[in-house]
Amino acid sequence: MEERWVKVAAAPNETDALLMDGVLKDAGIPALIQRAAGFDAPDFLAAGPRDVLVPGAFFEEARQVLEDTTGLGSYAS
């Protein structure tokens, strides 16, 4: 059975989402970035909110890593 990916954080733009993605991956946690609903348009490029997703089994660890990282905890959902 395929593991479900869940939203661990919301970023206001792609730059912040990439920062979160890097922090999670450095901690050994797989992560994906996805455009937030309603913003999946090529015209937005790097602008617009992004959701940061992790496999469900990593949710608590990922949330803690983001909360412990200066400046990122405020975006945790």
PDB file of N, CA and C in Angstrom:
ATOM      1  N   MET A   1       0.834  -1.182   0.000  1.00  0.00           N
ATOM      2  CA  MET A   1       0.000   0.000   0.000  1.00  0.00           C
ATOM      3  C   MET A   1       0.881   1.248   0.000  1.00  0.00           C
ATOM      4  N   GLU A   2       0.527   2.214  -0.807  1.00  0.00           N
ATOM      5  CA  GLU A   2       1.282   3.444  -0.944  1.00  0.00           C
ATOM      6  C   GLU A   2       1.042   4.360   0.259  1.00  0.00           C
ATOM      7  N   GLU A   3       2.125   4.945   0.775  1.00  0.00           N
ATOM      8  CA  GLU A   3       1.997   5.835   1.929  1.00  0.00           C
ATOM      9  C   GLU A   3       1.420   7.182   1.508  1.00  0.00           C
ATOM     10  N   ARG A   4       0.591   7.730   2.362  1.00  0.00           N
ATOM     11  CA  ARG A   4      -0.060   9.007   2.099  1.00  0.00           C
ATOM     12  C   ARG A   4       0.867  10.159   2.507  1.00  0.00           C
ATOM     13  N   TRP A   5       0.984  11.158   1.638  1.00  0.00           N
ATOM     14  CA  TRP A   5       1.756  12.359   1.937  1.00  0.00           C
ATOM     15  C   TRP A   5       0.805  13.373   2.559  1.00  0.00           C
ATOM     16  N   VAL A   6       1.268  14.049   3.601  1.00  0.00           N
ATOM     17  CA  VAL A   6       0.428  15.007   4.315  1.00  0.00           C
ATOM     18  C   VAL A   6       1.128  16.361   4.386  1.00  0.00           C
ATOM     19  N   LYS A   7       0.324  17.404   4.478  1.00  0.00           N
ATOM     20  CA  LYS A   7       0.841  18.766   4.570  1.00  0.00           C
ATOM     21  C   LYS A   7       1.394  19.009   5.968  1.00  0.00           C
ATOM     22  N   VAL A   8       2.665  19.389   6.029  1.00  0.00           N
ATOM     23  CA  VAL A   8       3.300  19.677   7.312  1.00  0.00           C
ATOM     24  C   VAL A   8       3.483  21.182   7.498  1.00  0.00           C
ATOM     25  N   ALA A   9       3.502  21.936   6.400  1.00  0.00           N
ATOM     26  CA  ALA A   9       3.699  23.379   6.493  1.00  0.00           C
ATOM     27  C   ALA A   9       3.170  24.072   5.250  1.00  0.00           C
ATOM     28  N   ALA A  10       2.911  25.363   5.401  1.00  0.00           N
ATOM     29  CA  ALA A  10       2.511  26.210   4.284  1.00  0.00           C
ATOM     30  C   ALA A  10       3.531  27.335   4.186  1.00  0.00           C
ATOM     31  N   ALA A  11       4.016  27.592   2.993  1.00  0.00           N
ATOM     32  CA  ALA A  11       4.985  28.665   2.771  1.00  0.00           C
ATOM     33  C   ALA A  11       4.330  29.750   1.923  1.00  0.00           C
ATOM     34  N   PRO A  12       4.686  31.004   2.148  1.00  0.00           N
ATOM     35  CA  PRO A  12       4.077  32.091   1.376  1.00  0.00           C
ATOM     36  C   PRO A  12       4.569  32.169  -0.069  1.00  0.00           C
ATOM     37  N   ASN A  13       5.704  31.494  -0.353  1.00  0.00           N
ATOM     38  CA  ASN A  13       6.246  31.523  -1.710  1.00  0.00           C
ATOM     39  C   ASN A  13       7.200  30.340  -1.907  1.00  0.00           C
ATOM     40  N   GLU A  14       7.676  30.179  -3.135  1.00  0.00           N
ATOM     41  CA  GLU A  14       8.536  29.039  -3.463  1.00  0.00           C
ATOM     42  C   GLU A  14       9.881  29.097  -2.732  1.00  0.00           C
ATOM     43  N   THR A  15      10.421  30.278  -2.543  1.00  0.00           N
ATOM     44  CA  THR A  15      11.716  30.411  -1.877  1.00  0.00           C
ATOM     45  C   THR A  15      11.664  29.849  -0.458  1.00  0.00           C
ATOM     46  N   ASP A  16      10.653  30.233   0.302  1.00  0.00           N
ATOM     47  CA  ASP A  16      10.512  29.721   1.663  1.00  0.00           C
ATOM     48  C   ASP A  16      10.234  28.221   1.661  1.00  0.00           C
ATOM     49  N   ALA A  17       9.460  27.758   0.691  1.00  0.00           N
ATOM     50  CA  ALA A  17       9.171  26.324   0.593  1.00  0.00           C
ATOM     51  C   ALA A  17      10.447  25.534   0.312  1.00  0.00           C
ATOM     52  N   LEU A  18      11.310  26.062  -0.549  1.00  0.00           N
ATOM     53  CA  LEU A  18      12.579  25.390  -0.848  1.00  0.00           C
ATOM     54  C   LEU A  18      13.483  25.354   0.380  1.00  0.00           C
ATOM     55  N   LEU A  19      13.439  26.407   1.186  1.00  0.00           N
ATOM     56  CA  LEU A  19      14.218  26.421   2.420  1.00  0.00           C
ATOM     57  C   LEU A  19      13.737  25.320   3.367  1.00  0.00           C
ATOM     58  N   MET A  20      12.421  25.214   3.536  1.00  0.00           N
ATOM     59  CA  MET A  20      11.850  24.164   4.386  1.00  0.00           C
ATOM     60  C   MET A  20      12.193  22.781   3.850  1.00  0.00           C
ATOM     61  N   ASP A  21      12.073  22.619   2.539  1.00  0.00           N
ATOM     62  CA  ASP A  21      12.394  21.351   1.883  1.00  0.00           C
ATOM     63  C   ASP A  21      13.835  20.952   2.190  1.00  0.00           C
ATOM     64  N   GLY A  22      14.755  21.894   2.088  1.00  0.00           N
ATOM     65  CA  GLY A  22      16.159  21.617   2.365  1.00  0.00           C
ATOM     66  C   GLY A  22      16.410  21.248   3.817  1.00  0.00           C
ATOM     67  N   VAL A  23      15.761  21.959   4.731  1.00  0.00           N
ATOM     68  CA  VAL A  23      15.912  21.659   6.159  1.00  0.00           C
ATOM     69  C   VAL A  23      15.421  20.247   6.453  1.00  0.00           C
ATOM     70  N   LEU A  24      14.274  19.897   5.893  1.00  0.00           N
ATOM     71  CA  LEU A  24      13.716  18.559   6.118  1.00  0.00           C
ATOM     72  C   LEU A  24      14.622  17.481   5.523  1.00  0.00           C
ATOM     73  N   LYS A  25      15.074  17.687   4.309  1.00  0.00           N
ATOM     74  CA  LYS A  25      15.925  16.684   3.662  1.00  0.00           C
ATOM     75  C   LYS A  25      17.262  16.546   4.383  1.00  0.00           C
ATOM     76  N   ASP A  26      17.802  17.650   4.909  1.00  0.00           N
ATOM     77  CA  ASP A  26      19.031  17.571   5.702  1.00  0.00           C
ATOM     78  C   ASP A  26      18.822  16.745   6.963  1.00  0.00           C
ATOM     79  N   ALA A  27      17.591  16.726   7.478  1.00  0.00           N
ATOM     80  CA  ALA A  27      17.256  15.940   8.662  1.00  0.00           C
ATOM     81  C   ALA A  27      16.891  14.500   8.300  1.00  0.00           C
ATOM     82  N   GLY A  28      16.974  14.151   7.002  1.00  0.00           N
ATOM     83  CA  GLY A  28      16.663  12.790   6.560  1.00  0.00           C
ATOM     84  C   GLY A  28      15.179  12.533   6.358  1.00  0.00           C
ATOM     85  N   ILE A  29      14.412  13.605   6.198  1.00  0.00           N
ATOM     86  CA  ILE A  29      12.963  13.477   6.025  1.00  0.00           C
ATOM     87  C   ILE A  29      12.616  13.785   4.571  1.00  0.00           C
ATOM     88  N   PRO A  30      11.985  12.853   3.852  1.00  0.00           N
ATOM     89  CA  PRO A  30      11.578  13.130   2.477  1.00  0.00           C
ATOM     90  C   PRO A  30      10.510  14.228   2.462  1.00  0.00           C
ATOM     91  N   ALA A  31      10.576  15.094   1.470  1.00  0.00           N
ATOM     92  CA  ALA A  31       9.607  16.193   1.381  1.00  0.00           C
ATOM     93  C   ALA A  31       9.304  16.512  -0.079  1.00  0.00           C
ATOM     94  N   LEU A  32       8.108  17.038  -0.296  1.00  0.00           N
ATOM     95  CA  LEU A  32       7.679  17.499  -1.620  1.00  0.00           C
ATOM     96  C   LEU A  32       7.086  18.895  -1.474  1.00  0.00           C
ATOM     97  N   ILE A  33       7.216  19.686  -2.512  1.00  0.00           N
ATOM     98  CA  ILE A  33       6.605  21.012  -2.548  1.00  0.00           C
ATOM     99  C   ILE A  33       5.488  20.984  -3.580  1.00  0.00           C
ATOM    100  N   GLN A  34       4.361  21.552  -3.214  1.00  0.00           N
ATOM    101  CA  GLN A  34       3.197  21.567  -4.106  1.00  0.00           C
ATOM    102  C   GLN A  34       2.568  22.958  -4.051  1.00  0.00           C
ATOM    103  N   ARG A  35       2.152  23.467  -5.203  1.00  0.00           N
ATOM    104  CA  ARG A  35       1.446  24.753  -5.204  1.00  0.00           C
ATOM    105  C   ARG A  35       0.155  24.607  -4.399  1.00  0.00           C
ATOM    106  N   ALA A  36      -0.162  25.631  -3.653  1.00  0.00           N
ATOM    107  CA  ALA A  36      -1.398  25.609  -2.876  1.00  0.00           C
ATOM    108  C   ALA A  36      -2.589  25.619  -3.824  1.00  0.00           C
ATOM    109  N   ALA A  37      -3.682  25.078  -3.374  1.00  0.00           N
ATOM    110  CA  ALA A  37      -4.899  25.022  -4.189  1.00  0.00           C
ATOM    111  C   ALA A  37      -5.274  26.423  -4.670  1.00  0.00           C
ATOM    112  N   GLY A  38      -5.617  26.527  -5.939  1.00  0.00           N
ATOM    113  CA  GLY A  38      -6.026  27.804  -6.516  1.00  0.00           C
ATOM    114  C   GLY A  38      -4.875  28.620  -7.080  1.00  0.00           C
ATOM    115  N   PHE A  39      -3.652  28.168  -6.893  1.00  0.00           N
ATOM    116  CA  PHE A  39      -2.490  28.912  -7.371  1.00  0.00           C
ATOM    117  C   PHE A  39      -1.670  28.107  -8.367  1.00  0.00           C
ATOM    118  N   ASP A  40      -2.259  27.080  -8.958  1.00  0.00           N
ATOM    119  CA  ASP A  40      -1.531  26.235  -9.901  1.00  0.00           C
ATOM    120  C   ASP A  40      -1.622  26.831 -11.308  1.00  0.00           C
ATOM    121  N   ALA A  41      -0.968  27.988 -11.468  1.00  0.00           N
ATOM    122  CA  ALA A  41      -0.959  28.662 -12.762  1.00  0.00           C
ATOM    123  C   ALA A  41       0.476  29.046 -13.107  1.00  0.00           C
ATOM    124  N   PRO A  42       0.925  28.761 -14.321  1.00  0.00           N
ATOM    125  CA  PRO A  42       2.297  29.068 -14.708  1.00  0.00           C
ATOM    126  C   PRO A  42       2.655  30.546 -14.557  1.00  0.00           C
ATOM    127  N   ASP A  43       1.673  31.428 -14.663  1.00  0.00           N
ATOM    128  CA  ASP A  43       1.934  32.862 -14.563  1.00  0.00           C
ATOM    129  C   ASP A  43       2.463  33.268 -13.191  1.00  0.00           C
ATOM    130  N   PHE A  44       2.226  32.458 -12.172  1.00  0.00           N
ATOM    131  CA  PHE A  44       2.670  32.815 -10.836  1.00  0.00           C
ATOM    132  C   PHE A  44       4.170  32.574 -10.632  1.00  0.00           C
ATOM    133  N   LEU A  45       4.781  31.730 -11.459  1.00  0.00           N
ATOM    134  CA  LEU A  45       6.193  31.372 -11.346  1.00  0.00           C
ATOM    135  C   LEU A  45       6.550  31.045  -9.899  1.00  0.00           C
ATOM    136  N   ALA A  46       7.461  31.777  -9.268  1.00  0.00           N
ATOM    137  CA  ALA A  46       7.866  31.476  -7.888  1.00  0.00           C
ATOM    138  C   ALA A  46       6.955  32.129  -6.859  1.00  0.00           C
ATOM    139  N   ALA A  47       6.052  32.993  -7.300  1.00  0.00           N
ATOM    140  CA  ALA A  47       5.138  33.658  -6.373  1.00  0.00           C
ATOM    141  C   ALA A  47       3.996  32.729  -6.001  1.00  0.00           C
ATOM    142  N   GLY A  48       3.309  33.073  -4.966  1.00  0.00           N
ATOM    143  CA  GLY A  48       2.152  32.297  -4.538  1.00  0.00           C
ATOM    144  C   GLY A  48       2.513  31.250  -3.511  1.00  0.00           C
ATOM    145  N   PRO A  49       1.545  30.899  -2.700  1.00  0.00           N
ATOM    146  CA  PRO A  49       1.796  29.965  -1.599  1.00  0.00           C
ATOM    147  C   PRO A  49       2.100  28.551  -2.070  1.00  0.00           C
ATOM    148  N   ARG A  50       2.871  27.847  -1.237  1.00  0.00           N
ATOM    149  CA  ARG A  50       3.224  26.449  -1.487  1.00  0.00           C
ATOM    150  C   ARG A  50       2.942  25.635  -0.232  1.00  0.00           C
ATOM    151  N   ASP A  51       2.570  24.394  -0.428  1.00  0.00           N
ATOM    152  CA  ASP A  51       2.411  23.445   0.668  1.00  0.00           C
ATOM    153  C   ASP A  51       3.642  22.544   0.683  1.00  0.00           C
ATOM    154  N   VAL A  52       4.128  22.234   1.870  1.00  0.00           N
ATOM    155  CA  VAL A  52       5.249  21.314   2.029  1.00  0.00           C
ATOM    156  C   VAL A  52       4.665  20.010   2.573  1.00  0.00           C
ATOM    157  N   LEU A  53       4.899  18.922   1.855  1.00  0.00           N
ATOM    158  CA  LEU A  53       4.330  17.620   2.191  1.00  0.00           C
ATOM    159  C   LEU A  53       5.415  16.638   2.608  1.00  0.00           C
ATOM    160  N   VAL A  54       5.055  15.752   3.530  1.00  0.00           N
ATOM    161  CA  VAL A  54       5.942  14.667   3.958  1.00  0.00           C
ATOM    162  C   VAL A  54       5.108  13.397   4.062  1.00  0.00           C
ATOM    163  N   PRO A  55       5.759  12.223   3.999  1.00  0.00           N
ATOM    164  CA  PRO A  55       5.005  10.985   4.236  1.00  0.00           C
ATOM    165  C   PRO A  55       4.412  11.028   5.650  1.00  0.00           C
ATOM    166  N   GLY A  56       3.219  10.495   5.792  1.00  0.00           N
ATOM    167  CA  GLY A  56       2.513  10.528   7.073  1.00  0.00           C
ATOM    168  C   GLY A  56       3.335  10.053   8.252  1.00  0.00           C
ATOM    169  N   ALA A  57       4.172   9.049   8.051  1.00  0.00           N
ATOM    170  CA  ALA A  57       4.987   8.498   9.137  1.00  0.00           C
ATOM    171  C   ALA A  57       6.013   9.500   9.653  1.00  0.00           C
ATOM    172  N   PHE A  58       6.345  10.515   8.860  1.00  0.00           N
ATOM    173  CA  PHE A  58       7.345  11.514   9.237  1.00  0.00           C
ATOM    174  C   PHE A  58       6.721  12.810   9.746  1.00  0.00           C
ATOM    175  N   PHE A  59       5.384  12.878   9.811  1.00  0.00           N
ATOM    176  CA  PHE A  59       4.723  14.145  10.120  1.00  0.00           C
ATOM    177  C   PHE A  59       5.211  14.782  11.419  1.00  0.00           C
ATOM    178  N   GLU A  60       5.159  14.056  12.524  1.00  0.00           N
ATOM    179  CA  GLU A  60       5.532  14.633  13.823  1.00  0.00           C
ATOM    180  C   GLU A  60       6.993  15.068  13.850  1.00  0.00           C
ATOM    181  N   GLU A  61       7.874  14.234  13.318  1.00  0.00           N
ATOM    182  CA  GLU A  61       9.297  14.578  13.285  1.00  0.00           C
ATOM    183  C   GLU A  61       9.529  15.822  12.421  1.00  0.00           C
ATOM    184  N   ALA A  62       8.872  15.876  11.264  1.00  0.00           N
ATOM    185  CA  ALA A  62       9.031  17.013  10.359  1.00  0.00           C
ATOM    186  C   ALA A  62       8.513  18.294  10.994  1.00  0.00           C
ATOM    187  N   ARG A  63       7.385  18.212  11.645  1.00  0.00           N
ATOM    188  CA  ARG A  63       6.812  19.384  12.305  1.00  0.00           C
ATOM    189  C   ARG A  63       7.763  19.907  13.379  1.00  0.00           C
ATOM    190  N   GLN A  64       8.358  18.991  14.137  1.00  0.00           N
ATOM    191  CA  GLN A  64       9.296  19.387  15.193  1.00  0.00           C
ATOM    192  C   GLN A  64      10.549  20.023  14.597  1.00  0.00           C
ATOM    193  N   VAL A  65      11.065  19.450  13.529  1.00  0.00           N
ATOM    194  CA  VAL A  65      12.246  20.011  12.872  1.00  0.00           C
ATOM    195  C   VAL A  65      11.957  21.426  12.404  1.00  0.00           C
ATOM    196  N   LEU A  66      10.805  21.647  11.783  1.00  0.00           N
ATOM    197  CA  LEU A  66      10.467  22.986  11.303  1.00  0.00           C
ATOM    198  C   LEU A  66      10.250  23.957  12.454  1.00  0.00           C
ATOM    199  N   GLU A  67       9.624  23.507  13.526  1.00  0.00           N
ATOM    200  CA  GLU A  67       9.399  24.379  14.677  1.00  0.00           C
ATOM    201  C   GLU A  67      10.710  24.740  15.369  1.00  0.00           C
ATOM    202  N   ASP A  68      11.670  23.817  15.375  1.00  0.00           N
ATOM    203  CA  ASP A  68      12.952  24.049  16.028  1.00  0.00           C
ATOM    204  C   ASP A  68      13.900  24.893  15.186  1.00  0.00           C
ATOM    205  N   THR A  69      13.575  25.100  13.919  1.00  0.00           N
ATOM    206  CA  THR A  69      14.433  25.847  13.011  1.00  0.00           C
ATOM    207  C   THR A  69      13.993  27.310  13.005  1.00  0.00           C
ATOM    208  N   THR A  70      14.866  28.182  13.342  1.00  0.00           N
ATOM    209  CA  THR A  70      14.548  29.601  13.448  1.00  0.00           C
ATOM    210  C   THR A  70      13.821  30.129  12.211  1.00  0.00           C
ATOM    211  N   GLY A  71      12.680  30.752  12.439  1.00  0.00           N
ATOM    212  CA  GLY A  71      11.941  31.393  11.368  1.00  0.00           C
ATOM    213  C   GLY A  71      11.006  30.510  10.578  1.00  0.00           C
ATOM    214  N   LEU A  72      11.091  29.194  10.747  1.00  0.00           N
ATOM    215  CA  LEU A  72      10.234  28.320   9.944  1.00  0.00           C
ATOM    216  C   LEU A  72       9.002  27.858  10.692  1.00  0.00           C
ATOM    217  N   GLY A  73       9.061  27.824  11.996  1.00  0.00           N
ATOM    218  CA  GLY A  73       7.945  27.313  12.779  1.00  0.00           C
ATOM    219  C   GLY A  73       6.666  28.099  12.578  1.00  0.00           C
ATOM    220  N   SER A  74       6.791  29.379  12.255  1.00  0.00           N
ATOM    221  CA  SER A  74       5.608  30.206  12.084  1.00  0.00           C
ATOM    222  C   SER A  74       4.764  29.774  10.885  1.00  0.00           C
ATOM    223  N   TYR A  75       5.365  29.017   9.970  1.00  0.00           N
ATOM    224  CA  TYR A  75       4.622  28.562   8.807  1.00  0.00           C
ATOM    225  C   TYR A  75       4.020  27.162   8.981  1.00  0.00           C
ATOM    226  N   ALA A  76       4.402  26.471  10.034  1.00  0.00           N
ATOM    227  CA  ALA A  76       3.899  25.113  10.227  1.00  0.00           C
ATOM    228  C   ALA A  76       2.391  25.160  10.366  1.00  0.00           C
ATOM    229  N   SER A  77       1.750  24.242   9.684  1.00  0.00           N
ATOM    230  CA  SER A  77       0.272  24.244   9.717  1.00  0.00           C
ATOM    231  C   SER A  77      -0.248  23.441  10.885  1.00  0.00           C
TER     232      SER A  77
END
